[in-house]
Each structure stands twice: as structure tokens, then as C-alpha cells.
């Protein structure tokens, strides 16, 4: 790929009012846990915040933007501008790939610095296929078929959390 001629493609900038309704929470309550996390778009930024609980074998919170249709085959990475709380989060992309009847996530982790804006490049080569908390050996990530994107906190540490996302781009 000739990166000099490729202009980053904005996947999400949260300026449009409908961007708020695209984001949905999927927390550990789907399996009996008690963690809470929710997405809100405030001042053109996504705020993913809540509280992680380890009760009932819980310990994760996530948000996903559904209804995405991106061909990212001209890119090799995703750029994100985020402000976190010092915790480690996952960025996830979803394609048409399924395992045991459910969608596979392609995930990579990133570390935040408490209350500091960071611009991070997450290379597609870092993405690992994940299904319900376990890493799979395949299928390989297909950048031409991105249908959803999201963030997940799964560090097994109880307490409040907050991640603010300014934008998401492909590069």
C-alpha cells in the first residue's frame, strides 16, 4: 500500500446526531454478571463509562456500533483519538465471520493514560480473532467486510471506568 497517497478515512467522528443511536452496550449481564457500561455521545465525543463488577463471574463491559459497512482493504490500520482512565481496553472490529453461530470479534488491546488524550495506530496485523473471551486460530481478518466496531473493557478489575473517543479513522 502506498501510504503517502492514501488519505485517512473517517469511520466515526460523532458529529452526526444519529451516531449516538448506532452505539449499543453489551455487558456481562448477558451471562449473569452485574457490570454496567453505556455509550453516550456528548459534545461530539463518544463517552463509554460505567462500573465493572466481578460478581457472578462477570467482569466486562462493551459498546458496539452496528450497521457499519466499510471496505478498509486500502488501509492497514485504524487510528483512534481517545482519553482514558489508565486502564487497558480493547478495540474490536467485526466482519461477516461467525463461529458456532455467533459473530467473531477481531480485537487488539491498548493502554490508556489517566485523563490524557492519545492518538493510537492499531494495525490490522495486531487483530486476533476472539469468541466469547477465547482466542481462535482463524479465520483471518477481512478488512473489506467490516460491519461493526466497538470497545471493550475486560481487565477483571472492579470499579468505575471511562473512555472518551474523539474519532476513529482508517489509514
N, C-alpha and C. Protein backbone atom coordinates (compact mmCIF):
# COMPACT_ATOMS: atom_id res chain seq x y z
N UNK A 1 0.84 -1.19 0.00
CA UNK A 1 0.00 0.00 0.00
C UNK A 1 0.87 1.23 0.00
N UNK A 2 0.57 2.19 -0.83
CA UNK A 2 1.29 3.45 -0.86
C UNK A 2 0.65 4.39 0.14
N UNK A 3 1.23 4.49 1.33
CA UNK A 3 0.62 5.27 2.41
C UNK A 3 0.73 6.77 2.16
N UNK A 4 1.64 7.19 1.28
CA UNK A 4 1.77 8.62 1.01
C UNK A 4 0.56 9.18 0.27
N UNK A 5 -0.06 8.39 -0.60
CA UNK A 5 -1.19 8.89 -1.38
C UNK A 5 -2.54 8.57 -0.72
N UNK A 6 -2.55 7.69 0.28
CA UNK A 6 -3.81 7.30 0.92
C UNK A 6 -4.17 8.30 2.02
N UNK A 7 -5.36 8.85 1.92
CA UNK A 7 -5.85 9.78 2.93
C UNK A 7 -6.65 9.00 3.96
N UNK A 8 -6.45 9.26 5.26
CA UNK A 8 -7.24 8.55 6.28
C UNK A 8 -8.74 8.73 6.02
N UNK A 9 -9.47 7.65 6.23
CA UNK A 9 -10.92 7.63 6.05
C UNK A 9 -11.57 7.72 7.41
N UNK A 10 -12.40 8.73 7.62
CA UNK A 10 -13.09 8.86 8.90
C UNK A 10 -14.19 7.81 8.97
N UNK A 11 -14.11 6.94 9.97
CA UNK A 11 -15.13 5.93 10.20
C UNK A 11 -16.19 6.42 11.17
N UNK A 12 -15.77 7.25 12.13
CA UNK A 12 -16.71 7.76 13.14
C UNK A 12 -16.13 9.04 13.72
N UNK A 13 -16.90 10.14 13.63
CA UNK A 13 -16.44 11.39 14.25
C UNK A 13 -17.45 11.95 15.25
N UNK A 14 -18.58 11.32 15.39
CA UNK A 14 -19.60 11.63 16.40
C UNK A 14 -20.22 13.02 16.22
N UNK A 15 -20.05 13.62 15.05
CA UNK A 15 -20.65 14.93 14.79
C UNK A 15 -22.12 14.82 14.40
N UNK A 16 -22.50 13.69 13.82
CA UNK A 16 -23.88 13.50 13.37
C UNK A 16 -24.74 13.02 14.53
N UNK A 17 -25.93 13.57 14.70
CA UNK A 17 -26.80 13.16 15.80
C UNK A 17 -27.11 11.67 15.82
N UNK A 18 -27.22 11.04 14.64
CA UNK A 18 -27.56 9.62 14.60
C UNK A 18 -26.40 8.73 15.06
N UNK A 19 -25.20 9.28 15.20
CA UNK A 19 -24.08 8.45 15.64
C UNK A 19 -24.32 7.91 17.05
N UNK A 20 -25.09 8.63 17.86
CA UNK A 20 -25.39 8.17 19.22
C UNK A 20 -26.24 6.90 19.20
N UNK A 21 -27.21 6.82 18.30
CA UNK A 21 -28.10 5.67 18.28
C UNK A 21 -27.45 4.43 17.69
N UNK A 22 -26.33 4.57 17.00
CA UNK A 22 -25.62 3.41 16.45
C UNK A 22 -24.96 2.57 17.54
N UNK A 23 -24.60 3.21 18.65
CA UNK A 23 -23.80 2.55 19.68
C UNK A 23 -24.70 1.89 20.71
N UNK A 24 -24.42 0.61 20.99
CA UNK A 24 -25.21 -0.16 21.95
C UNK A 24 -24.27 -0.84 22.94
N UNK A 25 -24.73 -0.95 24.18
CA UNK A 25 -23.96 -1.63 25.22
C UNK A 25 -24.22 -3.13 25.18
N UNK A 26 -23.17 -3.91 25.38
CA UNK A 26 -23.27 -5.35 25.58
C UNK A 26 -22.34 -5.66 26.75
N UNK A 27 -22.95 -5.90 27.91
CA UNK A 27 -22.19 -6.10 29.14
C UNK A 27 -22.31 -7.53 29.63
N UNK A 28 -21.63 -7.84 30.72
CA UNK A 28 -21.61 -9.21 31.23
C UNK A 28 -22.95 -9.67 31.79
N UNK A 29 -23.95 -8.80 31.83
CA UNK A 29 -25.28 -9.24 32.27
C UNK A 29 -25.89 -10.24 31.29
N UNK A 30 -25.34 -10.33 30.07
CA UNK A 30 -25.82 -11.33 29.11
C UNK A 30 -25.50 -12.75 29.59
N UNK A 31 -24.61 -12.87 30.59
CA UNK A 31 -24.27 -14.17 31.15
C UNK A 31 -24.37 -14.18 32.67
N UNK A 32 -25.16 -13.25 33.23
CA UNK A 32 -25.42 -13.24 34.66
C UNK A 32 -24.58 -12.28 35.48
N UNK A 33 -23.65 -11.57 34.86
CA UNK A 33 -22.81 -10.61 35.58
C UNK A 33 -23.56 -9.35 35.94
N UNK A 34 -22.89 -8.46 36.66
CA UNK A 34 -23.53 -7.24 37.13
C UNK A 34 -22.81 -5.97 36.72
N UNK A 35 -21.87 -6.06 35.77
CA UNK A 35 -21.17 -4.87 35.30
C UNK A 35 -22.12 -3.99 34.50
N UNK A 36 -21.83 -2.71 34.52
CA UNK A 36 -22.65 -1.75 33.79
C UNK A 36 -21.74 -0.86 32.96
N UNK A 37 -22.13 -0.65 31.74
CA UNK A 37 -21.41 0.26 30.86
C UNK A 37 -22.37 0.77 29.81
N UNK A 38 -22.21 2.02 29.45
CA UNK A 38 -23.13 2.57 28.46
C UNK A 38 -22.42 3.59 27.58
N UNK A 39 -22.89 3.71 26.34
CA UNK A 39 -22.36 4.72 25.44
C UNK A 39 -23.25 5.97 25.44
N UNK A 40 -22.61 7.12 25.40
CA UNK A 40 -23.33 8.38 25.22
C UNK A 40 -22.47 9.27 24.35
N UNK A 41 -23.09 9.98 23.41
CA UNK A 41 -22.36 10.97 22.63
C UNK A 41 -22.63 12.32 23.28
N UNK A 42 -21.56 12.93 23.77
CA UNK A 42 -21.61 14.22 24.46
C UNK A 42 -20.58 15.13 23.82
N UNK A 43 -21.01 16.30 23.38
CA UNK A 43 -20.11 17.27 22.74
C UNK A 43 -19.26 16.63 21.64
N UNK A 44 -19.91 15.86 20.77
CA UNK A 44 -19.28 15.24 19.61
C UNK A 44 -18.18 14.24 19.97
N UNK A 45 -18.33 13.60 21.12
CA UNK A 45 -17.40 12.55 21.53
C UNK A 45 -18.20 11.41 22.13
N UNK A 46 -17.71 10.19 21.89
CA UNK A 46 -18.32 9.01 22.49
C UNK A 46 -17.77 8.85 23.91
N UNK A 47 -18.66 8.78 24.89
CA UNK A 47 -18.29 8.50 26.27
C UNK A 47 -18.78 7.10 26.60
N UNK A 48 -17.83 6.21 26.84
CA UNK A 48 -18.12 4.83 27.24
C UNK A 48 -17.71 4.75 28.71
N UNK A 49 -18.72 4.64 29.58
CA UNK A 49 -18.43 4.67 31.01
C UNK A 49 -19.38 3.77 31.78
N UNK A 50 -18.94 3.40 32.96
CA UNK A 50 -19.76 2.54 33.80
C UNK A 50 -18.97 2.01 34.97
N UNK A 51 -19.31 0.79 35.38
CA UNK A 51 -18.71 0.19 36.56
C UNK A 51 -18.55 -1.31 36.33
N UNK A 52 -17.34 -1.82 36.54
CA UNK A 52 -17.08 -3.25 36.38
C UNK A 52 -17.31 -3.94 37.71
N UNK A 53 -18.06 -5.04 37.67
CA UNK A 53 -18.30 -5.89 38.83
C UNK A 53 -17.82 -7.30 38.50
N UNK A 54 -17.20 -7.95 39.49
CA UNK A 54 -16.76 -9.34 39.31
C UNK A 54 -17.79 -10.33 39.85
N UNK A 55 -18.92 -9.81 40.35
CA UNK A 55 -19.97 -10.69 40.88
C UNK A 55 -20.49 -11.62 39.80
N UNK A 56 -20.84 -12.83 40.20
CA UNK A 56 -21.43 -13.84 39.29
C UNK A 56 -20.55 -14.13 38.08
N UNK A 57 -19.24 -14.16 38.29
CA UNK A 57 -18.27 -14.43 37.23
C UNK A 57 -18.29 -13.38 36.12
N UNK A 58 -18.67 -12.16 36.46
CA UNK A 58 -18.68 -11.07 35.50
C UNK A 58 -17.30 -10.46 35.36
N UNK A 59 -17.27 -9.29 34.73
CA UNK A 59 -16.01 -8.58 34.61
C UNK A 59 -15.77 -7.91 33.28
N UNK A 60 -16.84 -7.70 32.48
CA UNK A 60 -16.61 -6.96 31.24
C UNK A 60 -17.78 -6.05 30.91
N UNK A 61 -17.46 -5.00 30.15
CA UNK A 61 -18.44 -4.08 29.59
C UNK A 61 -17.97 -3.73 28.18
N UNK A 62 -18.91 -3.55 27.28
CA UNK A 62 -18.53 -3.21 25.91
C UNK A 62 -19.60 -2.38 25.23
N UNK A 63 -19.18 -1.71 24.16
CA UNK A 63 -20.09 -0.97 23.28
C UNK A 63 -19.73 -1.31 21.85
N UNK A 64 -20.78 -1.34 21.01
CA UNK A 64 -20.59 -1.62 19.58
C UNK A 64 -21.42 -0.65 18.76
N UNK A 65 -20.84 -0.26 17.63
CA UNK A 65 -21.59 0.50 16.61
C UNK A 65 -22.01 -0.50 15.55
N UNK A 66 -23.30 -0.68 15.44
CA UNK A 66 -23.84 -1.62 14.45
C UNK A 66 -24.18 -0.88 13.17
N UNK A 67 -24.48 -1.66 12.15
CA UNK A 67 -24.90 -1.06 10.89
C UNK A 67 -23.78 -0.37 10.13
N UNK A 68 -22.56 -0.79 10.35
CA UNK A 68 -21.42 -0.24 9.63
C UNK A 68 -21.16 -1.09 8.39
N UNK A 69 -20.72 -0.48 7.35
CA UNK A 69 -20.34 -1.21 6.14
C UNK A 69 -19.14 -0.50 5.55
N UNK A 70 -17.96 -1.01 5.89
CA UNK A 70 -16.72 -0.36 5.45
C UNK A 70 -15.84 -1.36 4.71
N UNK A 71 -15.33 -0.93 3.57
CA UNK A 71 -14.29 -1.67 2.87
C UNK A 71 -12.98 -0.98 3.20
N UNK A 72 -12.21 -1.59 4.08
CA UNK A 72 -10.95 -1.00 4.55
C UNK A 72 -9.75 -1.67 3.90
N UNK A 73 -9.96 -2.30 2.76
CA UNK A 73 -8.87 -3.04 2.14
C UNK A 73 -7.74 -2.13 1.66
N UNK A 74 -7.97 -0.85 1.49
CA UNK A 74 -6.90 0.08 1.10
C UNK A 74 -6.11 0.56 2.32
N UNK A 75 -6.54 0.20 3.52
CA UNK A 75 -5.88 0.62 4.76
C UNK A 75 -5.14 -0.55 5.39
N UNK A 76 -4.27 -0.24 6.35
CA UNK A 76 -3.60 -1.30 7.10
C UNK A 76 -3.76 -1.14 8.60
N UNK A 77 -4.52 -0.10 9.00
CA UNK A 77 -4.67 0.17 10.42
C UNK A 77 -5.86 1.07 10.69
N UNK A 78 -6.17 1.18 11.98
CA UNK A 78 -7.19 2.12 12.45
C UNK A 78 -6.49 3.11 13.37
N UNK A 79 -6.84 4.37 13.21
CA UNK A 79 -6.34 5.42 14.10
C UNK A 79 -7.48 5.81 15.03
N UNK A 80 -7.19 5.94 16.31
CA UNK A 80 -8.20 6.39 17.26
C UNK A 80 -7.62 7.51 18.11
N UNK A 81 -8.45 8.47 18.43
CA UNK A 81 -8.08 9.52 19.39
C UNK A 81 -8.95 9.30 20.61
N UNK A 82 -8.28 8.98 21.74
CA UNK A 82 -9.00 8.59 22.94
C UNK A 82 -8.42 9.27 24.18
N UNK A 83 -9.26 9.38 25.20
CA UNK A 83 -8.82 9.81 26.53
C UNK A 83 -9.37 8.80 27.51
N UNK A 84 -8.50 8.19 28.29
CA UNK A 84 -8.93 7.12 29.18
C UNK A 84 -8.66 7.41 30.64
N UNK A 85 -8.65 6.33 31.39
CA UNK A 85 -8.54 6.39 32.85
C UNK A 85 -7.37 5.56 33.38
N UNK A 86 -6.43 5.24 32.51
CA UNK A 86 -5.28 4.44 32.91
C UNK A 86 -5.47 2.95 32.75
N UNK A 87 -6.64 2.52 32.31
CA UNK A 87 -6.92 1.09 32.14
C UNK A 87 -6.62 0.67 30.71
N UNK A 88 -6.56 -0.64 30.52
CA UNK A 88 -6.32 -1.23 29.21
C UNK A 88 -7.66 -1.65 28.61
N UNK A 89 -7.92 -1.21 27.39
CA UNK A 89 -9.16 -1.50 26.68
C UNK A 89 -8.86 -2.30 25.42
N UNK A 90 -9.90 -2.83 24.82
CA UNK A 90 -9.79 -3.47 23.52
C UNK A 90 -10.56 -2.65 22.49
N UNK A 91 -9.99 -2.58 21.29
CA UNK A 91 -10.72 -2.09 20.13
C UNK A 91 -11.06 -3.32 19.32
N UNK A 92 -12.30 -3.37 18.81
CA UNK A 92 -12.78 -4.56 18.11
C UNK A 92 -13.44 -4.18 16.79
N UNK A 93 -13.15 -4.99 15.79
CA UNK A 93 -13.82 -4.91 14.51
C UNK A 93 -14.53 -6.23 14.27
N UNK A 94 -15.67 -6.17 13.61
CA UNK A 94 -16.48 -7.36 13.33
C UNK A 94 -16.75 -7.41 11.83
N UNK A 95 -16.65 -8.61 11.27
CA UNK A 95 -16.94 -8.83 9.86
C UNK A 95 -18.10 -9.82 9.77
N UNK A 96 -18.23 -10.46 8.63
CA UNK A 96 -19.27 -11.48 8.45
C UNK A 96 -18.89 -12.81 9.08
N UNK A 97 -17.65 -12.92 9.58
CA UNK A 97 -17.15 -14.19 10.11
C UNK A 97 -17.90 -14.58 11.39
N UNK A 98 -18.28 -15.86 11.46
CA UNK A 98 -19.00 -16.41 12.61
C UNK A 98 -18.32 -17.68 13.11
N UNK A 99 -18.57 -18.00 14.37
CA UNK A 99 -18.10 -19.22 14.99
C UNK A 99 -19.23 -19.72 15.88
N UNK A 100 -19.63 -20.94 15.73
CA UNK A 100 -20.73 -21.53 16.50
C UNK A 100 -21.97 -20.64 16.47
N UNK A 101 -22.25 -20.06 15.30
CA UNK A 101 -23.47 -19.29 15.10
C UNK A 101 -23.44 -17.85 15.60
N UNK A 102 -22.31 -17.40 16.15
CA UNK A 102 -22.21 -16.02 16.65
C UNK A 102 -21.03 -15.31 15.99
N UNK A 103 -21.13 -14.00 15.97
CA UNK A 103 -20.12 -13.17 15.32
C UNK A 103 -18.78 -13.21 16.06
N UNK A 104 -17.70 -13.28 15.30
CA UNK A 104 -16.34 -13.24 15.83
C UNK A 104 -15.91 -11.78 15.93
N UNK A 105 -15.19 -11.44 16.98
CA UNK A 105 -14.56 -10.13 17.12
C UNK A 105 -13.11 -10.26 16.72
N UNK A 106 -12.58 -9.24 16.07
CA UNK A 106 -11.15 -9.14 15.80
C UNK A 106 -10.64 -8.02 16.70
N UNK A 107 -9.87 -8.39 17.72
CA UNK A 107 -9.56 -7.47 18.81
C UNK A 107 -8.06 -7.22 18.98
N UNK A 108 -7.75 -6.03 19.46
CA UNK A 108 -6.41 -5.69 19.92
C UNK A 108 -6.55 -4.79 21.14
N UNK A 109 -5.61 -4.89 22.04
CA UNK A 109 -5.65 -4.11 23.28
C UNK A 109 -4.81 -2.85 23.16
N UNK A 110 -5.19 -1.84 23.92
CA UNK A 110 -4.41 -0.61 24.00
C UNK A 110 -4.49 -0.07 25.43
N UNK A 111 -3.43 0.56 25.85
CA UNK A 111 -3.33 1.12 27.19
C UNK A 111 -3.65 2.60 27.15
N UNK A 112 -4.43 3.07 28.12
CA UNK A 112 -4.71 4.50 28.24
C UNK A 112 -3.86 5.10 29.36
N UNK A 113 -3.75 6.41 29.33
CA UNK A 113 -3.10 7.17 30.40
C UNK A 113 -4.18 8.03 31.02
N UNK A 114 -4.27 8.01 32.34
CA UNK A 114 -5.35 8.70 33.05
C UNK A 114 -5.49 10.16 32.60
N UNK A 115 -6.67 10.48 32.06
CA UNK A 115 -7.06 11.84 31.70
C UNK A 115 -6.14 12.51 30.68
N UNK A 116 -5.56 11.70 29.79
CA UNK A 116 -4.66 12.25 28.77
C UNK A 116 -5.10 11.78 27.39
N UNK A 117 -5.19 12.74 26.44
CA UNK A 117 -5.56 12.39 25.07
C UNK A 117 -4.40 11.66 24.40
N UNK A 118 -4.73 10.58 23.69
CA UNK A 118 -3.75 9.81 22.94
C UNK A 118 -4.28 9.57 21.54
N UNK A 119 -3.39 9.61 20.55
CA UNK A 119 -3.72 9.17 19.20
C UNK A 119 -2.96 7.88 18.97
N UNK A 120 -3.68 6.80 18.74
CA UNK A 120 -3.09 5.48 18.61
C UNK A 120 -3.33 4.91 17.23
N UNK A 121 -2.33 4.20 16.72
CA UNK A 121 -2.47 3.45 15.46
C UNK A 121 -2.55 1.98 15.83
N UNK A 122 -3.64 1.34 15.46
CA UNK A 122 -3.86 -0.07 15.74
C UNK A 122 -3.83 -0.81 14.40
N UNK A 123 -2.73 -1.52 14.15
CA UNK A 123 -2.54 -2.20 12.87
C UNK A 123 -3.44 -3.44 12.76
N UNK A 124 -3.95 -3.66 11.58
CA UNK A 124 -4.78 -4.84 11.35
C UNK A 124 -4.02 -6.12 11.69
N UNK A 125 -2.71 -6.11 11.51
CA UNK A 125 -1.90 -7.29 11.82
C UNK A 125 -1.93 -7.63 13.32
N UNK A 126 -2.32 -6.67 14.17
CA UNK A 126 -2.43 -6.90 15.61
C UNK A 126 -3.75 -7.58 15.99
N UNK A 127 -4.72 -7.56 15.11
CA UNK A 127 -6.05 -8.07 15.43
C UNK A 127 -6.04 -9.59 15.57
N UNK A 128 -6.65 -10.07 16.63
CA UNK A 128 -6.77 -11.50 16.89
C UNK A 128 -8.25 -11.88 16.86
N UNK A 129 -8.60 -12.99 16.19
CA UNK A 129 -10.00 -13.43 16.23
C UNK A 129 -10.34 -13.95 17.63
N UNK A 130 -11.43 -13.42 18.19
CA UNK A 130 -11.83 -13.74 19.56
C UNK A 130 -13.30 -14.13 19.57
N UNK A 131 -13.62 -15.15 20.35
CA UNK A 131 -15.01 -15.57 20.51
C UNK A 131 -15.25 -15.86 21.98
N UNK A 132 -16.15 -15.07 22.58
CA UNK A 132 -16.52 -15.23 23.99
C UNK A 132 -15.31 -15.39 24.92
N UNK A 133 -14.35 -14.51 24.74
CA UNK A 133 -13.21 -14.46 25.64
C UNK A 133 -12.05 -15.37 25.30
N UNK A 134 -12.18 -16.17 24.25
CA UNK A 134 -11.04 -17.02 23.91
C UNK A 134 -10.57 -16.72 22.48
N UNK A 135 -9.25 -16.78 22.32
CA UNK A 135 -8.64 -16.50 21.03
C UNK A 135 -8.78 -17.72 20.12
N UNK A 136 -9.18 -17.46 18.88
CA UNK A 136 -9.33 -18.52 17.89
C UNK A 136 -8.12 -18.54 16.96
N UNK A 137 -7.93 -19.63 16.25
CA UNK A 137 -6.83 -19.72 15.29
C UNK A 137 -7.20 -19.11 13.93
N UNK A 138 -8.44 -18.75 13.74
CA UNK A 138 -8.89 -18.16 12.48
C UNK A 138 -10.39 -18.00 12.53
N UNK A 139 -10.99 -17.52 11.52
CA UNK A 139 -10.45 -17.12 10.23
C UNK A 139 -9.72 -15.78 10.31
N UNK A 140 -8.94 -15.50 9.26
CA UNK A 140 -8.18 -14.26 9.20
C UNK A 140 -9.14 -13.07 9.06
N UNK A 141 -8.71 -11.92 9.55
CA UNK A 141 -9.48 -10.68 9.44
C UNK A 141 -9.58 -10.27 7.98
N UNK A 142 -10.78 -9.91 7.54
CA UNK A 142 -11.03 -9.43 6.18
C UNK A 142 -11.39 -7.95 6.23
N UNK A 143 -10.45 -7.05 5.93
CA UNK A 143 -10.74 -5.61 6.03
C UNK A 143 -11.80 -5.13 5.04
N UNK A 144 -12.11 -5.89 4.03
CA UNK A 144 -13.11 -5.48 3.05
C UNK A 144 -14.54 -5.63 3.57
N UNK A 145 -14.73 -6.32 4.70
CA UNK A 145 -16.07 -6.68 5.16
C UNK A 145 -16.40 -6.19 6.57
N UNK A 146 -15.96 -5.02 6.97
CA UNK A 146 -16.22 -4.54 8.34
C UNK A 146 -17.68 -4.12 8.47
N UNK A 147 -18.37 -4.72 9.45
CA UNK A 147 -19.79 -4.44 9.68
C UNK A 147 -20.07 -3.80 11.03
N UNK A 148 -19.17 -3.95 11.98
CA UNK A 148 -19.35 -3.35 13.31
C UNK A 148 -17.98 -2.99 13.85
N UNK A 149 -17.97 -2.08 14.81
CA UNK A 149 -16.76 -1.74 15.54
C UNK A 149 -17.14 -1.49 16.99
N UNK A 150 -16.17 -1.61 17.88
CA UNK A 150 -16.51 -1.41 19.27
C UNK A 150 -15.30 -1.33 20.19
N UNK A 151 -15.62 -1.11 21.46
CA UNK A 151 -14.63 -1.05 22.53
C UNK A 151 -15.08 -1.96 23.64
N UNK A 152 -14.11 -2.57 24.32
CA UNK A 152 -14.44 -3.47 25.43
C UNK A 152 -13.43 -3.26 26.56
N UNK A 153 -13.94 -3.32 27.77
CA UNK A 153 -13.10 -3.34 28.97
C UNK A 153 -13.27 -4.71 29.59
N UNK A 154 -12.16 -5.44 29.70
CA UNK A 154 -12.23 -6.81 30.20
C UNK A 154 -10.99 -7.09 31.06
N UNK A 155 -10.60 -6.12 31.88
CA UNK A 155 -9.36 -6.25 32.66
C UNK A 155 -9.56 -6.92 34.02
N UNK A 156 -10.78 -7.34 34.30
CA UNK A 156 -11.09 -8.05 35.56
C UNK A 156 -10.74 -7.24 36.81
N UNK A 157 -10.86 -5.91 36.70
CA UNK A 157 -10.65 -5.02 37.85
C UNK A 157 -11.97 -4.33 38.15
N UNK A 158 -12.45 -4.50 39.38
CA UNK A 158 -13.70 -3.86 39.77
C UNK A 158 -13.52 -2.35 39.84
N UNK A 159 -14.63 -1.66 39.61
CA UNK A 159 -14.65 -0.22 39.80
C UNK A 159 -15.10 0.55 38.59
N UNK A 160 -15.20 1.87 38.76
CA UNK A 160 -15.68 2.73 37.68
C UNK A 160 -14.63 2.85 36.56
N UNK A 161 -15.14 3.12 35.37
CA UNK A 161 -14.26 3.33 34.21
C UNK A 161 -14.85 4.39 33.31
N UNK A 162 -13.98 4.98 32.48
CA UNK A 162 -14.45 5.94 31.49
C UNK A 162 -13.43 6.05 30.37
N UNK A 163 -13.94 5.88 29.15
CA UNK A 163 -13.15 6.05 27.94
C UNK A 163 -13.89 7.05 27.06
N UNK A 164 -13.18 8.08 26.59
CA UNK A 164 -13.77 9.08 25.69
C UNK A 164 -13.08 8.91 24.33
N UNK A 165 -13.90 8.81 23.28
CA UNK A 165 -13.39 8.62 21.93
C UNK A 165 -13.74 9.85 21.11
N UNK A 166 -12.72 10.50 20.55
CA UNK A 166 -12.93 11.70 19.75
C UNK A 166 -13.24 11.34 18.31
N UNK A 167 -12.49 10.39 17.74
CA UNK A 167 -12.74 9.93 16.38
C UNK A 167 -12.09 8.58 16.15
N UNK A 168 -12.54 7.92 15.06
CA UNK A 168 -11.99 6.64 14.61
C UNK A 168 -11.79 6.78 13.10
N UNK A 169 -10.57 6.46 12.63
CA UNK A 169 -10.25 6.57 11.21
C UNK A 169 -9.51 5.32 10.74
N UNK A 170 -9.61 5.05 9.46
CA UNK A 170 -8.80 4.01 8.84
C UNK A 170 -7.66 4.67 8.09
N UNK A 171 -6.49 4.06 8.15
CA UNK A 171 -5.31 4.64 7.48
C UNK A 171 -4.45 3.53 6.90
